[in-house]
Protein backbone atom coordinates (compact mmCIF):
# COMPACT_ATOMS: atom_id res chain seq x y z
CA MET A 1 31.21 -2.58 -23.43
CA ASN A 2 32.70 -5.98 -22.66
CA LYS A 3 30.76 -8.62 -24.63
CA ASN A 4 30.36 -11.03 -21.76
CA PHE A 5 29.19 -8.26 -19.43
CA LYS A 6 26.68 -7.17 -22.05
CA ASN A 7 25.41 -10.73 -22.44
CA MET A 8 25.04 -11.06 -18.76
CA ILE A 9 22.99 -7.85 -18.46
CA ILE A 10 20.64 -9.04 -21.28
CA VAL A 11 20.20 -12.32 -19.49
CA PHE A 12 19.37 -10.51 -16.26
CA ALA A 13 16.78 -8.39 -18.08
CA GLY A 14 15.33 -11.56 -19.63
CA PHE A 15 14.86 -13.19 -16.25
CA PHE A 16 13.24 -9.97 -14.93
CA PHE A 17 10.69 -9.70 -17.73
CA LEU A 18 10.02 -13.45 -17.75
CA SER A 19 9.25 -13.19 -14.02
CA LEU A 20 6.87 -10.27 -14.53
CA PHE A 21 5.05 -12.40 -17.11
CA SER A 22 4.99 -15.75 -15.26
CA ASN A 23 4.01 -14.33 -11.87
CA THR A 24 0.96 -12.42 -13.14
CA LEU A 25 -1.40 -15.45 -12.91
CA SER A 26 -1.49 -16.19 -9.14
CA PRO A 27 -3.04 -12.90 -7.90
CA PHE A 28 -5.75 -13.18 -10.52
CA ILE A 29 -6.95 -16.75 -9.80
CA THR A 30 -10.00 -15.63 -7.82
CA THR A 31 -10.77 -12.93 -10.36
CA ILE A 32 -10.60 -15.37 -13.25
CA LYS A 33 -12.96 -17.77 -11.38
CA ASN A 34 -15.52 -15.01 -10.93
CA THR A 35 -15.08 -13.51 -14.35
CA TYR A 36 -15.62 -16.79 -16.24
CA ASN A 37 -18.02 -18.17 -13.68
CA VAL A 38 -16.24 -21.51 -13.22
CA SER A 39 -16.19 -23.83 -10.23
CA ALA A 40 -13.37 -24.17 -7.71
CA ASP A 41 -12.54 -27.61 -9.20
CA ILE A 42 -12.21 -26.21 -12.70
CA ILE A 43 -10.12 -23.18 -11.75
CA ALA A 44 -7.80 -25.47 -9.81
CA ILE A 45 -6.49 -26.98 -13.05
CA LEU A 46 -5.08 -23.67 -14.23
CA PRO A 47 -1.76 -23.60 -12.32
CA PRO A 48 -0.97 -27.32 -12.97
CA VAL A 49 -1.52 -26.79 -16.70
CA VAL A 50 1.04 -23.92 -16.69
CA TYR A 51 3.52 -25.95 -14.64
CA PHE A 52 3.15 -29.01 -16.80
CA ALA A 53 3.51 -27.04 -20.06
CA SER A 54 6.67 -25.41 -18.69
CA PHE A 55 8.12 -28.81 -17.71
CA VAL A 56 7.42 -30.32 -21.10
CA MET A 57 8.77 -27.36 -23.02
CA SER A 58 11.95 -27.28 -20.97
CA ILE A 59 12.67 -30.77 -22.29
CA VAL A 60 11.67 -29.97 -25.88
CA GLY A 61 13.59 -26.66 -25.80
CA ALA A 62 16.70 -28.45 -24.61
CA LYS A 63 16.52 -30.94 -27.45
CA LEU A 64 15.97 -28.13 -29.99
CA MET A 65 18.94 -26.11 -28.73
CA SER A 66 21.37 -27.42 -31.35
CA VAL A 67 18.84 -26.83 -34.09
CA LEU A 68 17.73 -23.33 -33.15
CA GLY A 69 20.94 -21.93 -31.61
CA LEU A 70 20.84 -19.94 -28.44
CA LYS A 71 19.68 -16.62 -29.84
CA ARG A 72 16.84 -17.97 -32.01
CA GLY A 73 15.71 -20.23 -29.24
CA LEU A 74 15.57 -17.25 -26.83
CA TYR A 75 13.55 -15.23 -29.41
CA LEU A 76 11.13 -18.13 -29.90
CA GLY A 77 10.60 -18.50 -26.15
CA PHE A 78 9.67 -14.90 -25.72
CA LEU A 79 7.57 -14.90 -28.93
CA PHE A 80 5.54 -17.63 -27.22
CA ALA A 81 4.98 -15.23 -24.30
CA ILE A 82 3.68 -12.55 -26.70
CA PHE A 83 1.39 -15.10 -28.43
CA ALA A 84 0.08 -16.28 -25.04
CA SER A 85 -0.51 -12.68 -23.91
CA ILE A 86 -2.54 -11.94 -27.04
CA ILE A 87 -4.69 -15.06 -26.50
CA ILE A 88 -5.30 -14.15 -22.80
CA LEU A 89 -6.02 -10.53 -23.70
CA PHE A 90 -8.78 -11.38 -26.13
CA SER A 91 -10.13 -14.63 -24.53
CA LYS A 92 -13.94 -14.69 -24.21
CA SER A 93 -14.24 -18.15 -22.65
CA PHE A 94 -12.39 -19.93 -19.90
CA TYR A 95 -11.13 -22.70 -22.16
CA ILE A 96 -9.54 -20.22 -24.60
CA LEU A 97 -8.00 -18.59 -21.57
CA LEU A 98 -6.73 -21.99 -20.43
CA PHE A 99 -5.13 -22.49 -23.80
CA GLY A 100 -3.47 -19.07 -23.53
CA TYR A 101 -2.04 -20.00 -20.12
CA PHE A 102 -0.85 -23.33 -21.57
CA ILE A 103 1.09 -21.39 -24.19
CA SER A 104 2.41 -19.13 -21.37
CA GLY A 105 3.79 -22.27 -19.70
CA LEU A 106 5.54 -23.24 -22.93
CA ALA A 107 7.01 -19.76 -23.07
CA VAL A 108 8.38 -19.96 -19.50
CA GLY A 109 9.83 -23.40 -20.11
CA MET A 110 11.66 -22.54 -23.30
CA SER A 111 12.80 -19.07 -22.25
CA GLY A 112 14.10 -20.41 -18.96
CA VAL A 113 16.20 -23.10 -20.67
CA PHE A 114 17.81 -20.63 -23.10
CA LEU A 115 18.35 -17.86 -20.53
CA GLY A 116 19.96 -20.35 -18.16
CA THR A 117 22.21 -21.74 -20.82
CA LEU A 118 23.26 -18.30 -22.10
CA LEU A 119 24.37 -17.43 -18.54
CA SER A 120 26.06 -20.78 -18.02
CA VAL A 121 28.31 -20.58 -21.13
CA LEU A 122 29.75 -17.23 -20.08
CA PRO A 123 33.19 -17.18 -18.41
CA GLN A 124 32.95 -18.10 -14.73
CA GLU A 125 33.36 -14.53 -13.46
CA TYR A 126 30.15 -13.60 -15.32
CA GLN A 127 28.14 -16.58 -14.13
CA LYS A 128 26.24 -14.56 -11.53
CA PHE A 129 23.56 -17.11 -10.87
CA SER A 130 22.45 -15.58 -7.60
CA LEU A 131 21.98 -12.11 -9.15
CA ALA A 132 20.14 -13.61 -12.09
CA ASN A 133 17.77 -15.32 -9.69
CA ALA A 134 17.44 -12.01 -7.80
CA CYS A 135 16.28 -10.35 -11.03
CA PHE A 136 13.63 -13.07 -11.36
CA GLY A 137 12.62 -12.50 -7.74
CA LEU A 138 12.42 -8.74 -8.30
CA GLY A 139 9.99 -9.28 -11.13
CA GLY A 140 7.82 -11.37 -8.85
CA ILE A 141 7.82 -8.62 -6.17
CA LEU A 142 7.05 -5.79 -8.58
CA ILE A 143 4.22 -7.48 -10.44
CA LEU A 144 2.15 -7.78 -7.23
CA PRO A 145 1.43 -4.05 -6.79
CA ILE A 146 0.68 -3.81 -10.50
CA ASP A 147 -1.87 -6.59 -10.23
CA ARG A 148 -3.32 -5.06 -7.06
CA LEU A 149 -3.64 -1.71 -8.82
CA VAL A 150 -5.49 -3.40 -11.68
CA LEU A 151 -7.92 -5.09 -9.29
CA LYS A 152 -8.40 -2.02 -7.06
CA ASN A 153 -9.38 0.09 -10.06
CA GLY A 154 -11.77 -2.44 -11.52
CA ILE A 155 -9.72 -2.85 -14.67
CA ASN A 156 -10.18 -6.10 -16.57
CA PHE A 157 -7.32 -8.41 -15.57
CA ASN A 158 -6.73 -9.29 -19.22
CA TYR A 159 -5.47 -5.80 -19.91
CA THR A 160 -2.41 -6.45 -17.73
CA TYR A 161 -1.08 -8.51 -20.59
CA ILE A 162 -0.82 -5.38 -22.76
CA ILE A 163 2.08 -4.45 -20.45
CA HIS A 164 3.74 -7.78 -21.08
CA ILE A 165 3.34 -7.51 -24.82
CA LEU A 166 5.11 -4.16 -24.77
CA PHE A 167 7.85 -5.16 -22.28
CA ILE A 168 8.61 -8.45 -24.01
CA SER A 169 8.69 -6.80 -27.45
CA LEU A 170 11.27 -4.34 -26.12
CA PHE A 171 13.27 -7.15 -24.62
CA ILE A 172 13.41 -9.06 -27.91
CA ILE A 173 14.81 -5.88 -29.58
CA PHE A 174 17.32 -5.58 -26.71
CA ALA A 175 18.28 -9.26 -27.05
CA THR A 176 19.38 -8.77 -30.64
CA LYS A 177 22.52 -7.26 -29.11
CA ILE A 178 23.51 -10.49 -27.49
CA ASP A 179 26.75 -12.01 -28.83
CA VAL A 180 27.33 -15.68 -28.23
CA THR A 181 30.33 -16.08 -30.51
CA SER A 182 32.78 -15.46 -27.68
CA SER A 183 31.24 -18.27 -25.67
CA PHE A 184 30.05 -20.75 -28.34
CA LYS A 185 32.13 -21.41 -31.36
CA ASN A 186 29.58 -23.54 -33.17
CA ASN A 187 26.33 -25.44 -32.64
CA HIS A 188 28.20 -28.67 -31.81
CA HIS A 189 28.83 -27.33 -28.31
CA SER A 190 25.19 -26.56 -27.82
CA LYS A 191 23.95 -30.13 -28.39
CA VAL A 192 22.08 -31.41 -25.37
CA SER A 193 22.28 -34.94 -24.22
CA PHE A 194 20.51 -36.33 -21.15
CA ASP A 195 23.25 -38.98 -20.86
CA ILE A 196 24.95 -36.47 -18.62
CA LEU A 197 22.63 -37.79 -15.86
CA LYS A 198 24.94 -40.84 -15.72
CA ASN A 199 27.41 -38.53 -13.99
CA PRO A 200 26.63 -39.02 -10.25
CA LEU A 201 27.45 -35.40 -9.49
CA VAL A 202 24.87 -34.14 -11.98
CA LEU A 203 22.21 -36.65 -10.93
CA LEU A 204 22.55 -36.16 -7.18
CA PHE A 205 22.62 -32.35 -7.33
CA SER A 206 19.80 -32.26 -9.86
CA ILE A 207 17.70 -34.27 -7.41
CA ALA A 208 18.69 -31.67 -4.83
CA ILE A 209 17.31 -28.94 -7.11
CA PHE A 210 14.15 -31.01 -7.55
CA PHE A 211 13.68 -31.17 -3.73
CA TYR A 212 14.66 -27.55 -3.18
CA VAL A 213 12.12 -26.17 -5.67
CA GLY A 214 9.35 -28.22 -4.08
CA ALA A 215 10.34 -26.88 -0.62
CA GLU A 216 10.53 -23.24 -1.81
CA ILE A 217 7.17 -23.21 -3.61
CA SER A 218 5.44 -25.05 -0.81
CA THR A 219 6.79 -22.52 1.67
CA THR A 220 5.10 -19.64 -0.20
CA ASN A 221 1.93 -21.62 -0.88
CA TRP A 222 1.29 -22.87 2.65
CA THR A 223 2.95 -20.38 5.01
CA GLY A 224 0.09 -17.91 4.78
CA SER A 225 -2.54 -20.54 5.74
CA PHE A 226 -0.24 -21.80 8.54
CA LEU A 227 0.14 -18.30 10.00
CA GLU A 228 -3.59 -17.76 9.90
CA LYS A 229 -4.45 -21.10 11.53
CA TYR A 230 -1.70 -21.48 14.14
CA TYR A 231 -0.84 -17.87 14.97
CA GLY A 232 -4.19 -16.19 14.37
CA ILE A 233 -2.68 -13.65 12.03
CA SER A 234 -5.37 -11.95 9.89
CA LYS A 235 -5.78 -12.54 6.20
CA GLU A 236 -5.15 -8.81 5.59
CA GLU A 237 -1.74 -8.99 7.34
CA VAL A 238 -0.51 -12.26 5.75
CA PRO A 239 0.24 -10.74 2.28
CA ASN A 240 2.42 -8.06 3.90
CA ILE A 241 4.34 -10.74 5.83
CA LEU A 242 4.86 -12.84 2.68
CA SER A 243 5.99 -9.72 0.77
CA SER A 244 8.56 -9.10 3.45
CA PHE A 245 9.67 -12.73 3.11
CA TRP A 246 10.24 -12.25 -0.64
CA ILE A 247 12.11 -9.01 -0.10
CA LEU A 248 14.51 -10.70 2.33
CA PHE A 249 14.77 -13.62 -0.07
CA THR A 250 15.64 -11.34 -2.99
CA ILE A 251 18.14 -9.28 -0.93
CA GLY A 252 19.90 -12.48 -0.05
CA ARG A 253 20.28 -13.31 -3.77
CA VAL A 254 21.47 -9.81 -4.68
CA VAL A 255 24.55 -10.20 -2.41
CA GLY A 256 24.79 -13.96 -2.90
CA ASP A 257 27.40 -14.36 -5.59
CA LYS A 258 30.20 -12.74 -3.56
CA LEU A 259 29.26 -14.69 -0.46
CA LEU A 260 29.24 -18.01 -2.33
CA ASP A 261 32.61 -17.23 -3.97
CA LYS A 262 34.09 -16.46 -0.58
CA VAL A 263 32.56 -19.29 1.47
CA GLY A 264 32.46 -21.97 -1.26
CA ARG A 265 29.28 -23.46 -2.68
CA LEU A 266 29.69 -26.90 -1.10
CA LYS A 267 30.45 -25.56 2.34
CA PHE A 268 27.45 -23.25 2.09
CA LEU A 269 25.14 -26.09 1.00
CA SER A 270 26.40 -28.22 3.87
CA ILE A 271 25.45 -25.62 6.44
CA CYS A 272 22.73 -23.29 5.24
CA PRO A 273 19.85 -25.83 4.88
CA VAL A 274 20.41 -26.69 8.53
CA VAL A 275 19.78 -23.03 9.33
CA SER A 276 16.53 -23.27 7.34
CA ILE A 277 15.54 -26.26 9.39
CA VAL A 278 16.16 -24.16 12.53
CA GLY A 279 13.81 -21.56 11.15
CA ILE A 280 11.20 -24.23 10.53
CA PHE A 281 11.48 -25.48 14.17
CA ILE A 282 11.04 -21.94 15.44
CA ILE A 283 7.86 -21.56 13.38
CA LEU A 284 6.45 -24.94 14.43
CA SER A 285 7.27 -24.54 18.16
CA GLY A 286 6.55 -20.84 18.48
CA THR A 287 3.45 -19.27 20.03
CA SER A 288 3.89 -15.57 19.41
CA LYS A 289 3.84 -13.45 16.24
CA ILE A 290 7.48 -12.41 16.91
CA GLN A 291 8.54 -16.06 16.80
CA ALA A 292 6.62 -16.61 13.57
CA LEU A 293 8.30 -13.57 11.94
CA LEU A 294 11.74 -14.60 13.24
CA GLY A 295 11.37 -18.13 11.90
CA LEU A 296 10.13 -16.97 8.52
CA SER A 297 12.95 -14.38 8.26
CA ILE A 298 15.56 -17.09 8.98
CA ILE A 299 14.03 -19.31 6.31
CA GLY A 300 13.85 -16.42 3.77
CA ILE A 301 17.48 -15.48 4.20
CA SER A 302 18.90 -18.97 4.46
CA ILE A 303 17.15 -20.60 1.46
CA SER A 304 17.69 -17.66 -0.86
CA LEU A 305 21.10 -18.91 -2.00
CA ILE A 306 20.50 -22.67 -2.04
CA TYR A 307 19.31 -22.75 -5.65
CA PRO A 308 22.01 -20.51 -7.12
CA ALA A 309 24.63 -22.44 -5.11
CA LEU A 310 23.41 -25.82 -6.52
CA GLN A 311 23.20 -24.29 -10.02
CA GLY A 312 26.65 -22.77 -9.86
CA TYR A 313 28.28 -25.91 -8.41
CA ILE A 314 26.94 -28.13 -11.15
CA ILE A 315 27.83 -25.76 -14.01
CA GLN A 316 31.29 -24.90 -12.66
CA ASN A 317 32.23 -28.57 -12.33
CA MET A 318 31.36 -29.50 -15.93
CA ASP A 319 33.58 -29.72 -18.97
CA LYS A 320 32.66 -26.81 -21.26
CA LYS A 321 31.09 -29.09 -23.92
CA TYR A 322 28.65 -30.49 -21.33
CA ILE A 323 27.55 -27.13 -19.95
CA PRO A 324 24.46 -26.75 -22.24
CA SER A 325 23.31 -30.24 -21.21
CA ALA A 326 23.86 -29.49 -17.54
CA SER A 327 22.08 -26.11 -17.75
CA ALA A 328 19.10 -27.80 -19.46
CA ILE A 329 18.98 -30.55 -16.84
CA ILE A 330 18.91 -27.93 -14.05
CA ILE A 331 15.88 -26.18 -15.62
CA ILE A 332 14.12 -29.48 -16.28
CA PHE A 333 14.55 -30.71 -12.68
CA ASN A 334 13.42 -27.21 -11.52
CA ASN A 335 10.18 -27.49 -13.53
CA LEU A 336 9.79 -31.15 -12.53
CA GLY A 337 9.83 -30.17 -8.86
CA ALA A 338 7.37 -27.34 -9.43
CA THR A 339 5.05 -29.59 -11.40
CA PHE A 340 4.91 -32.63 -9.11
CA LEU A 341 6.31 -31.98 -5.67
CA THR A 342 4.16 -28.91 -5.05
CA TYR A 343 1.04 -31.06 -5.25
CA ILE A 344 2.48 -34.01 -3.29
CA ILE A 345 3.33 -31.57 -0.49
CA GLY A 346 -0.11 -30.04 -0.96
CA PHE A 347 -1.66 -33.45 -0.32
CA ALA A 348 0.40 -33.74 2.88
CA GLY A 349 -0.75 -30.25 3.86
CA GLY A 350 -4.35 -31.25 3.28
CA ILE A 351 -3.96 -33.95 5.93
CA LYS A 352 -2.21 -31.68 8.42
CA ILE A 353 -0.57 -28.41 7.59
CA THR A 354 2.48 -28.96 9.75
CA TYR A 355 3.38 -31.97 7.53
CA VAL A 356 4.33 -29.45 4.84
CA PHE A 357 7.23 -28.26 6.93
CA ILE A 358 8.21 -31.75 8.06
CA VAL A 359 8.52 -32.81 4.40
CA GLN A 360 10.67 -29.75 3.77
CA ILE A 361 13.03 -30.78 6.55
CA VAL A 362 13.62 -34.11 4.78
CA PHE A 363 14.36 -32.24 1.49
CA TYR A 364 16.83 -29.94 3.21
CA LEU A 365 18.57 -32.85 4.91
CA TYR A 366 19.10 -34.51 1.51
CA ILE A 367 20.84 -31.33 0.22
CA VAL A 368 23.05 -31.27 3.34
CA PHE A 369 24.06 -34.92 3.05
CA VAL A 370 24.89 -34.80 -0.70
CA SER A 371 26.86 -31.57 -0.32
CA ALA A 372 28.76 -32.87 2.73
CA ARG A 373 29.62 -36.04 0.84
CA TYR A 374 31.23 -34.11 -1.98
CA LEU A 375 32.84 -31.64 0.43
CA VAL A 376 34.47 -34.39 2.43
CA PHE A 377 35.69 -36.36 -0.56
CA LYS A 378 36.82 -33.12 -2.36
CA ARG A 379 35.10 -34.08 -5.59
CA ASN A 380 35.56 -31.17 -8.00
């Protein structure tokens, strides 16, 4: 088997198992609250702790890249996931559980940095960023029925992490087959420097990633409440609608690499966020369930390729020696958006839920303007 193709498949598997692991928490929030008998204010700190740990570890992992090397860094990230799973599995108090989820955030942050870099240093024809993100999305889709099955059968939610311990252990064994010698000649190339942010292209498009992540997460966090309040859709029906959104989103990413190669990433980024804005206007101005579903479908399809298009454009316009730095910056700004923008948008949504979508429009317009600027001036 071609070494680069094998490396790419291992990275895809890593994103899939990392997604299964990282997306397990959300469906269990209410269960955790009831199991450990904590208040709504206390349970609310759980997701921010995970996001913050992931953000911090993405920075630390990037700086350790030249010391650990890509393979050992990847192993360490997933070993953190096993350690976190063991703590969560045997936790008897909420604060031990909180510590376990903090470690899980560290695992996601470090694993994400090294997986992203491993994909970025492959030859361009194997840099399938959209398909890698589709694998991550698939993990998020598949973990939901597993979590529902656990809850439906009255199984202790902690036991779900036995699955993660097994899957991640198998992945680590699988990852021993990865071969970075064809992409990295020595550790010098894997040194990460944040000085790369002095490059306007990197800085402007990293900010675009920061805004996009905030928009994507806020869409999934707030759309359900919006559909209930403004369209009168029942709480029982909302999860099915959101699942359909994620399916469309993931399908878009499965076919995305070929589309982006054909259309061009800058051209796509100059147009597609505008389509997303159209979807938002349909949702905000609509009165029927059909309009809500149409608007959400347009948003799901159109935003699915924005992140891989931004990621691919940055990486493919870097000198090879700067690729690890650029890859790390992408993950850091990703986690930065998830950590801070989600809650800023949440504050706006607390005032009036439609403000969530208005803020998203501003974010999408930024992506359009930056992409159009580089498209017009042909900066490659």
